[in-house]
Amino acid sequence: MTIERQYSLPNCKLILQGYNTGSDGKSDGRASLNVLMNAECHFVGYPQPITGGREFFESLVRQVSRYVQGFLSGLTAPESFRQQPELVELHPIAGELHQLTVHEPPQEKSSDEVSLAAAPPVQVNLTTVQLFDLVEAVDQFLADSQTLPELSIQLQPLSKRYLKPEQPIAQRAVPAAIGISSLALTALALFALPIPDIKRPEDPKLQPQTQSSTVPTPTAIPPQGSSPQTTVPQSLPPNLSSPPPITNPQELKDLKAQLSEKLIKAWIPTASVKTPLIYRVSVAKDGAIVGYKSLNPELGTETKQTPLPDLLYKPVGSRQTNEPLADFKVTFNPDGNLEVSNLASNTEANPQTSPKTPASN
């Protein structure tokens, strides 16, 4: 029974046909192909495949592997390195192409047989993509343990005597010598230039200031007989930077509940707190804690015992200026109880706020 193996790539397809000489070799559910009868190599753009027997296929595997390794490494073995002529040859040609040449296998002829003209070799010009698809097909064949398992590639290391001679030391030293001489000439030219006179800039604070003549401003004298006008001080406008307080009772109730929930979740009472810690906390409409201030300044250093520094709003950009705020009185008791009550806005100093965050009054 004929067994067929196909190794298909987008630009190349390798087809092997043969049979199995024994009853074993079904480790992966497939019959082992031990004897090769025919090998076909199809390329995109060429309607006729390249065909041959086992000798052709073994030469194709050897030459493709040897040529691609030389193509990738840049080192190519000379023709004398080969032990015997190959049926398949690969050579680079112009246009970044690779010429695949297949010769007819030699046939033994008797002395009385009329010699016929040998058939011309088959030549196919492959692109680099087609070449590497052929390499991938050969690699898939070599990885298939159920197809010609005795066939393997015998690669030999390339001796150093086949390497291309390096550039002579005289030619390699010319660029370095030119560079050194140019550097020396540049250094001599710079050495001949005068040293620039650098003056240290004077400190503007030490510069003497010219005395300007002061022209006295004449004082207007009121006319005789008129009574002097009395200047009445006018009240200053309120501080425009002071944020307005939140006065809606329901909104204050909701903000108070949100603040209590945040503090209860974040506060962990410690035994080091012996005295109630009282703070004035400013809360924005969205519930963010935008500022706080200790109402017992003597215990201001105990702020780290509270969660206020961690809950303080840290803006990524900038918050709305003069946004309405609600002030609450927060008491952290040593027994672990937390008290939150409303605190009317007053004229005390603004509490500690986060960067670029308006503080409440």
Protein backbone atom coordinates (compact mmCIF):
# COMPACT_ATOMS: atom_id res chain seq x y z
CA MET A 1 0.00 0.00 0.00
CA THR A 2 1.38 3.39 -1.01
CA ILE A 3 1.91 5.86 1.83
CA GLU A 4 1.95 9.60 1.14
CA ARG A 5 3.30 12.39 3.32
CA GLN A 6 2.67 16.09 2.62
CA TYR A 7 4.46 19.05 4.20
CA SER A 8 2.65 22.19 3.03
CA LEU A 9 3.73 25.83 3.38
CA PRO A 10 2.21 28.95 1.75
CA ASN A 11 4.82 29.02 -1.05
CA CYS A 12 6.11 25.44 -1.10
CA LYS A 13 4.70 21.92 -0.75
CA LEU A 14 6.79 18.76 -0.32
CA ILE A 15 5.13 15.41 -1.16
CA LEU A 16 6.78 12.04 -0.39
CA GLN A 17 5.41 8.70 -1.62
CA GLY A 18 6.59 5.28 -0.51
CA TYR A 19 5.68 2.19 1.44
CA ASN A 20 6.45 0.33 4.64
CA THR A 21 8.57 -2.81 4.60
CA GLY A 22 7.48 -4.04 8.05
CA SER A 23 4.38 -4.32 10.19
CA ASP A 24 5.62 -2.06 13.02
CA GLY A 25 6.07 1.68 13.19
CA LYS A 26 2.65 2.89 14.29
CA SER A 27 3.63 4.69 17.48
CA ASP A 28 1.50 7.71 16.62
CA GLY A 29 -1.26 5.90 14.73
CA ARG A 30 0.42 6.26 11.31
CA ALA A 31 2.23 3.65 9.26
CA SER A 32 5.95 4.24 8.95
CA LEU A 33 7.27 5.18 5.50
CA ASN A 34 10.60 3.33 5.16
CA VAL A 35 11.08 3.12 1.39
CA LEU A 36 10.84 6.28 -0.72
CA MET A 37 9.59 5.83 -4.29
CA ASN A 38 9.00 9.42 -5.37
CA ALA A 39 9.52 12.95 -4.04
CA GLU A 40 7.80 16.05 -5.42
CA CYS A 41 8.56 19.68 -4.66
CA HIS A 42 5.89 22.22 -5.70
CA PHE A 43 6.54 25.99 -5.75
CA VAL A 44 4.04 28.81 -6.20
CA GLY A 45 4.38 30.28 -9.71
CA TYR A 46 5.80 27.07 -11.25
CA PRO A 47 3.14 24.73 -12.64
CA GLN A 48 5.49 21.76 -13.01
CA PRO A 49 6.88 20.24 -9.80
CA ILE A 50 10.45 19.06 -9.35
CA THR A 51 10.43 15.28 -8.97
CA GLY A 52 12.96 12.58 -8.25
CA GLY A 53 13.78 9.50 -6.25
CA ARG A 54 15.56 8.93 -2.97
CA GLU A 55 18.94 10.12 -4.30
CA PHE A 56 17.36 13.38 -5.44
CA PHE A 57 15.57 13.89 -2.12
CA GLU A 58 18.66 13.19 0.02
CA SER A 59 20.69 15.64 -2.08
CA LEU A 60 17.90 18.24 -1.76
CA VAL A 61 17.88 17.94 2.03
CA ARG A 62 21.68 18.23 2.29
CA GLN A 63 22.03 21.14 -0.11
CA VAL A 64 19.14 23.18 1.30
CA SER A 65 20.46 22.84 4.85
CA ARG A 66 24.06 23.64 3.83
CA TYR A 67 23.08 26.61 1.64
CA VAL A 68 20.78 28.23 4.21
CA GLN A 69 23.39 27.94 6.95
CA GLY A 70 25.92 29.63 4.69
CA PHE A 71 23.33 32.25 3.69
CA LEU A 72 22.64 33.12 7.33
CA SER A 73 26.25 33.02 8.56
CA GLY A 74 27.87 34.63 5.52
CA LEU A 75 30.43 31.77 5.27
CA THR A 76 30.29 29.53 2.20
CA ALA A 77 32.35 26.37 1.81
CA PRO A 78 34.29 26.09 -1.48
CA GLU A 79 33.44 23.45 -4.08
CA SER A 80 36.45 21.36 -3.00
CA PHE A 81 34.87 20.94 0.44
CA ARG A 82 32.21 18.63 -1.00
CA GLN A 83 33.07 14.95 -0.99
CA GLN A 84 31.02 14.08 -4.11
CA PRO A 85 28.99 15.93 -6.75
CA GLU A 86 25.40 16.63 -5.83
CA LEU A 87 22.28 16.21 -7.92
CA VAL A 88 20.85 19.39 -6.40
CA GLU A 89 22.68 22.71 -6.31
CA LEU A 90 21.76 26.10 -4.84
CA HIS A 91 23.45 29.33 -5.85
CA PRO A 92 22.64 33.01 -5.24
CA ILE A 93 21.89 35.07 -8.34
CA ALA A 94 21.12 38.70 -9.08
CA GLY A 95 17.94 40.26 -7.79
CA GLU A 96 18.18 38.59 -4.38
CA LEU A 97 17.11 35.27 -5.88
CA HIS A 98 18.34 31.74 -5.26
CA GLN A 99 18.74 29.36 -8.22
CA LEU A 100 17.81 25.74 -7.52
CA THR A 101 19.37 23.39 -10.11
CA VAL A 102 18.47 19.69 -10.35
CA HIS A 103 20.65 17.40 -12.50
CA GLU A 104 19.69 14.05 -13.91
CA PRO A 105 21.08 11.13 -11.86
CA PRO A 106 23.97 9.27 -13.58
CA GLN A 107 22.95 5.98 -15.23
CA GLU A 108 25.25 3.04 -15.90
CA LYS A 109 25.38 2.13 -19.56
CA SER A 110 26.89 -0.89 -21.30
CA SER A 111 29.70 -0.43 -23.80
CA ASP A 112 27.52 -1.42 -26.74
CA GLU A 113 24.71 0.98 -25.78
CA VAL A 114 24.41 4.08 -27.87
CA SER A 115 25.09 7.16 -25.78
CA LEU A 116 22.28 9.65 -25.79
CA ALA A 117 22.50 13.36 -25.06
CA ALA A 118 21.98 14.05 -21.36
CA ALA A 119 18.81 15.89 -20.45
CA PRO A 120 19.34 19.54 -19.47
CA PRO A 121 19.15 20.30 -15.74
CA VAL A 122 15.98 21.75 -14.27
CA GLN A 123 16.43 25.26 -12.86
CA VAL A 124 14.04 27.18 -10.62
CA ASN A 125 14.68 30.73 -9.35
CA LEU A 126 13.38 31.01 -5.80
CA THR A 127 12.69 34.12 -3.79
CA THR A 128 13.90 34.30 -0.21
CA VAL A 129 10.36 33.63 1.03
CA GLN A 130 10.07 30.50 -1.14
CA LEU A 131 13.52 29.35 -0.02
CA PHE A 132 12.65 29.55 3.66
CA ASP A 133 9.30 27.84 3.07
CA LEU A 134 11.31 25.00 1.51
CA VAL A 135 13.56 24.99 4.57
CA GLU A 136 10.50 24.79 6.84
CA ALA A 137 9.13 21.86 4.81
CA VAL A 138 12.46 20.02 5.15
CA ASP A 139 12.49 20.73 8.89
CA GLN A 140 8.97 19.31 9.22
CA PHE A 141 10.13 16.16 7.40
CA LEU A 142 13.17 15.77 9.67
CA ALA A 143 10.92 16.15 12.72
CA ASP A 144 8.60 13.39 11.46
CA SER A 145 9.85 10.17 13.05
CA GLN A 146 7.50 8.02 10.94
CA THR A 147 8.96 9.10 7.58
CA LEU A 148 12.39 7.80 6.54
CA PRO A 149 13.58 7.62 10.16
CA GLU A 150 17.08 6.52 9.10
CA LEU A 151 17.67 9.70 7.05
CA SER A 152 19.44 12.49 8.93
CA ILE A 153 21.65 15.46 8.08
CA GLN A 154 25.38 14.98 8.63
CA LEU A 155 26.66 18.53 9.08
CA GLN A 156 30.41 19.13 9.25
CA PRO A 157 32.08 22.16 10.82
CA LEU A 158 33.83 24.49 8.41
CA SER A 159 37.60 24.58 8.86
CA LYS A 160 39.31 27.91 9.46
CA ARG A 161 41.29 27.60 6.24
CA TYR A 162 38.06 28.04 4.27
CA LEU A 163 37.26 31.37 5.92
CA LYS A 164 37.66 34.51 3.90
CA PRO A 165 40.98 36.27 4.61
CA GLU A 166 40.65 39.28 6.80
CA GLN A 167 41.51 42.74 5.58
CA PRO A 168 45.27 43.41 5.76
CA ILE A 169 46.47 45.25 8.83
CA ALA A 170 47.74 48.11 6.68
CA GLN A 171 44.29 48.78 5.24
CA ARG A 172 42.62 48.46 8.63
CA ALA A 173 45.11 50.91 10.18
CA VAL A 174 44.53 53.65 7.59
CA PRO A 175 41.20 54.95 9.04
CA ALA A 176 42.61 54.93 12.56
CA ALA A 177 45.74 56.81 11.48
CA ILE A 178 43.67 59.40 9.63
CA GLY A 179 41.46 59.86 12.67
CA ILE A 180 44.42 60.29 15.02
CA SER A 181 46.13 62.78 12.71
CA SER A 182 42.92 64.79 12.35
CA LEU A 183 42.53 64.85 16.11
CA ALA A 184 46.11 66.03 16.55
CA LEU A 185 45.68 68.82 13.99
CA THR A 186 42.47 69.94 15.68
CA ALA A 187 44.21 70.01 19.06
CA LEU A 188 47.07 72.11 17.65
CA ALA A 189 44.62 74.55 16.09
CA LEU A 190 42.75 74.94 19.36
CA PHE A 191 46.03 75.34 21.26
CA ALA A 192 46.98 78.28 19.03
CA LEU A 193 43.79 80.16 19.80
CA PRO A 194 44.03 82.77 22.57
CA ILE A 195 42.42 82.02 25.88
CA PRO A 196 39.20 84.02 26.15
CA ASP A 197 38.98 86.56 28.93
CA ILE A 198 36.20 85.40 31.19
CA LYS A 199 34.78 87.95 33.59
CA ARG A 200 32.89 86.80 36.58
CA PRO A 201 29.43 88.38 36.63
CA GLU A 202 28.95 90.86 39.37
CA ASP A 203 26.40 90.21 42.05
CA PRO A 204 23.48 92.54 41.41
CA LYS A 205 22.98 92.92 45.16
CA LEU A 206 26.44 94.44 45.53
CA GLN A 207 26.01 96.98 42.75
CA PRO A 208 25.71 100.51 44.19
CA GLN A 209 22.35 102.04 43.69
CA THR A 210 22.25 105.48 42.21
CA GLN A 211 20.52 107.94 44.43
CA SER A 212 17.56 109.44 42.73
CA SER A 213 16.52 112.91 43.60
CA THR A 214 13.31 112.89 45.53
CA VAL A 215 10.83 115.44 44.30
CA PRO A 216 8.50 116.41 47.13
CA THR A 217 4.86 116.10 46.33
CA PRO A 218 3.12 119.43 46.77
CA THR A 219 0.37 119.43 49.33
CA ALA A 220 -2.90 120.88 48.25
CA ILE A 221 -3.91 123.80 50.43
CA PRO A 222 -7.64 124.18 50.85
CA PRO A 223 -9.02 127.56 50.01
CA GLN A 224 -9.65 129.96 52.78
CA GLY A 225 -13.08 130.03 54.22
CA SER A 226 -13.84 126.40 53.36
CA SER A 227 -14.20 123.82 56.09
CA PRO A 228 -11.84 120.81 55.91
CA GLN A 229 -13.48 117.64 54.57
CA THR A 230 -13.60 114.69 56.91
CA THR A 231 -12.62 111.33 55.33
CA VAL A 232 -15.07 108.58 56.29
CA PRO A 233 -13.53 105.09 56.12
CA GLN A 234 -15.55 102.70 54.00
CA SER A 235 -16.01 99.05 54.89
CA LEU A 236 -13.77 96.64 52.95
CA PRO A 237 -15.37 94.03 50.71
CA PRO A 238 -15.52 90.53 52.13
CA ASN A 239 -12.70 88.10 51.39
CA LEU A 240 -13.50 86.77 47.96
CA SER A 241 -11.34 83.66 48.51
CA SER A 242 -13.44 82.44 51.43
CA PRO A 243 -15.54 79.46 50.30
CA PRO A 244 -19.26 79.67 51.12
CA PRO A 245 -20.57 77.21 53.71
CA ILE A 246 -23.04 74.44 52.96
CA THR A 247 -26.32 75.27 54.72
CA ASN A 248 -28.74 72.67 53.36
CA PRO A 249 -29.76 70.53 56.40
CA GLN A 250 -30.26 67.34 54.39
CA GLU A 251 -26.94 67.80 52.59
CA LEU A 252 -25.18 68.40 55.92
CA LYS A 253 -26.79 65.25 57.32
CA ASP A 254 -25.60 63.16 54.37
CA LEU A 255 -22.06 64.56 54.50
CA LYS A 256 -21.93 63.93 58.24
CA ALA A 257 -22.94 60.29 57.71
CA GLN A 258 -20.33 59.85 54.97
CA LEU A 259 -17.60 61.38 57.13
CA SER A 260 -18.52 59.18 60.11
CA GLU A 261 -18.44 56.05 57.95
CA LYS A 262 -15.02 56.92 56.50
CA LEU A 263 -13.47 57.66 59.89
CA ILE A 264 -14.93 54.58 61.61
CA LYS A 265 -13.56 52.29 58.89
CA ALA A 266 -10.11 53.88 58.84
CA TRP A 267 -9.49 54.65 62.53
CA ILE A 268 -7.63 52.10 64.64
CA PRO A 269 -7.58 53.29 68.30
CA THR A 270 -4.21 53.03 70.04
CA ALA A 271 -3.29 52.97 73.71
CA SER A 272 -0.91 55.91 73.23
CA VAL A 273 -3.87 58.32 72.96
CA LYS A 274 -4.68 59.46 76.51
CA THR A 275 -6.64 62.64 75.75
CA PRO A 276 -9.50 63.25 73.30
CA LEU A 277 -8.21 64.57 69.98
CA ILE A 278 -10.56 67.23 68.58
CA TYR A 279 -10.37 68.42 64.96
CA ARG A 280 -12.24 70.72 62.69
CA VAL A 281 -12.72 68.85 59.39
CA SER A 282 -13.83 70.49 56.12
CA VAL A 283 -15.77 68.32 53.67
CA ALA A 284 -16.68 69.15 50.06
CA LYS A 285 -20.02 68.41 48.41
CA ASP A 286 -18.70 65.10 47.00
CA GLY A 287 -17.73 63.92 50.49
CA ALA A 288 -13.98 64.46 50.04
CA ILE A 289 -12.02 65.59 53.12
CA VAL A 290 -10.27 68.71 51.83
CA GLY A 291 -8.88 70.03 55.12
CA TYR A 292 -8.56 69.59 58.87
CA LYS A 293 -7.25 71.57 61.84
CA SER A 294 -6.55 70.56 65.43
CA LEU A 295 -8.76 72.37 67.97
CA ASN A 296 -6.43 71.42 70.82
CA PRO A 297 -3.10 72.70 69.44
CA GLU A 298 -1.11 71.26 72.34
CA LEU A 299 -1.88 67.81 70.91
CA GLY A 300 -1.18 68.71 67.31
CA THR A 301 1.62 66.17 67.09
CA GLU A 302 -0.86 63.36 67.73
CA THR A 303 -2.44 63.80 64.30
CA LYS A 304 -0.60 60.73 63.05
CA GLN A 305 -2.68 58.66 65.51
CA THR A 306 -5.77 59.56 63.46
CA PRO A 307 -6.72 58.55 59.88
CA LEU A 308 -7.07 62.18 58.77
CA PRO A 309 -3.69 62.43 56.96
CA ASP A 310 -4.50 59.29 54.95
CA LEU A 311 -8.06 60.38 54.12
CA LEU A 312 -7.06 63.91 53.11
CA TYR A 313 -7.94 64.52 49.46
CA LYS A 314 -4.85 64.61 47.26
CA PRO A 315 -5.91 66.21 43.97
CA VAL A 316 -4.45 65.01 40.70
CA GLY A 317 -5.16 68.32 39.01
CA SER A 318 -6.94 71.16 40.78
CA ARG A 319 -10.32 71.37 42.48
CA GLN A 320 -12.89 74.07 41.89
CA THR A 321 -11.96 77.26 43.67
CA ASN A 322 -14.34 78.62 46.31
CA GLU A 323 -16.46 75.48 46.27
CA PRO A 324 -18.96 75.21 49.17
CA LEU A 325 -17.64 73.35 52.22
CA ALA A 326 -19.16 71.90 55.37
CA ASP A 327 -17.27 72.05 58.69
CA PHE A 328 -17.61 69.29 61.28
CA LYS A 329 -16.20 68.78 64.73
CA VAL A 330 -14.58 65.35 65.04
CA THR A 331 -13.52 63.95 68.42
CA PHE A 332 -11.33 60.85 68.71
CA ASN A 333 -11.85 59.55 72.27
CA PRO A 334 -9.28 57.33 74.02
CA ASP A 335 -11.98 54.70 74.65
CA GLY A 336 -12.40 54.19 70.89
CA ASN A 337 -15.60 56.20 70.50
CA LEU A 338 -15.83 58.62 67.58
CA GLU A 339 -18.01 61.74 67.71
CA VAL A 340 -18.94 63.83 64.66
CA SER A 341 -21.02 66.99 65.04
CA ASN A 342 -21.85 70.04 62.94
CA LEU A 343 -19.60 73.06 63.29
CA ALA A 344 -20.69 76.46 62.01
CA SER A 345 -18.22 78.33 59.86
CA ASN A 346 -16.25 80.99 61.76
CA THR A 347 -13.38 83.32 61.17
CA GLU A 348 -10.62 81.11 62.56
CA ALA A 349 -7.53 80.25 60.57
CA ASN A 350 -8.02 77.85 57.71
CA PRO A 351 -7.40 74.19 58.52
CA GLN A 352 -4.57 72.16 57.03
CA THR A 353 -5.52 71.30 53.48
CA SER A 354 -4.20 69.17 50.69
CA PRO A 355 -2.13 70.81 47.90
CA LYS A 356 -4.13 73.00 45.53
CA THR A 357 -7.29 72.41 47.62
CA PRO A 358 -9.33 75.34 49.00
CA ALA A 359 -9.64 75.29 52.79
CA SER A 360 -12.79 76.17 54.65
CA ASN A 361 -13.02 79.11 57.02
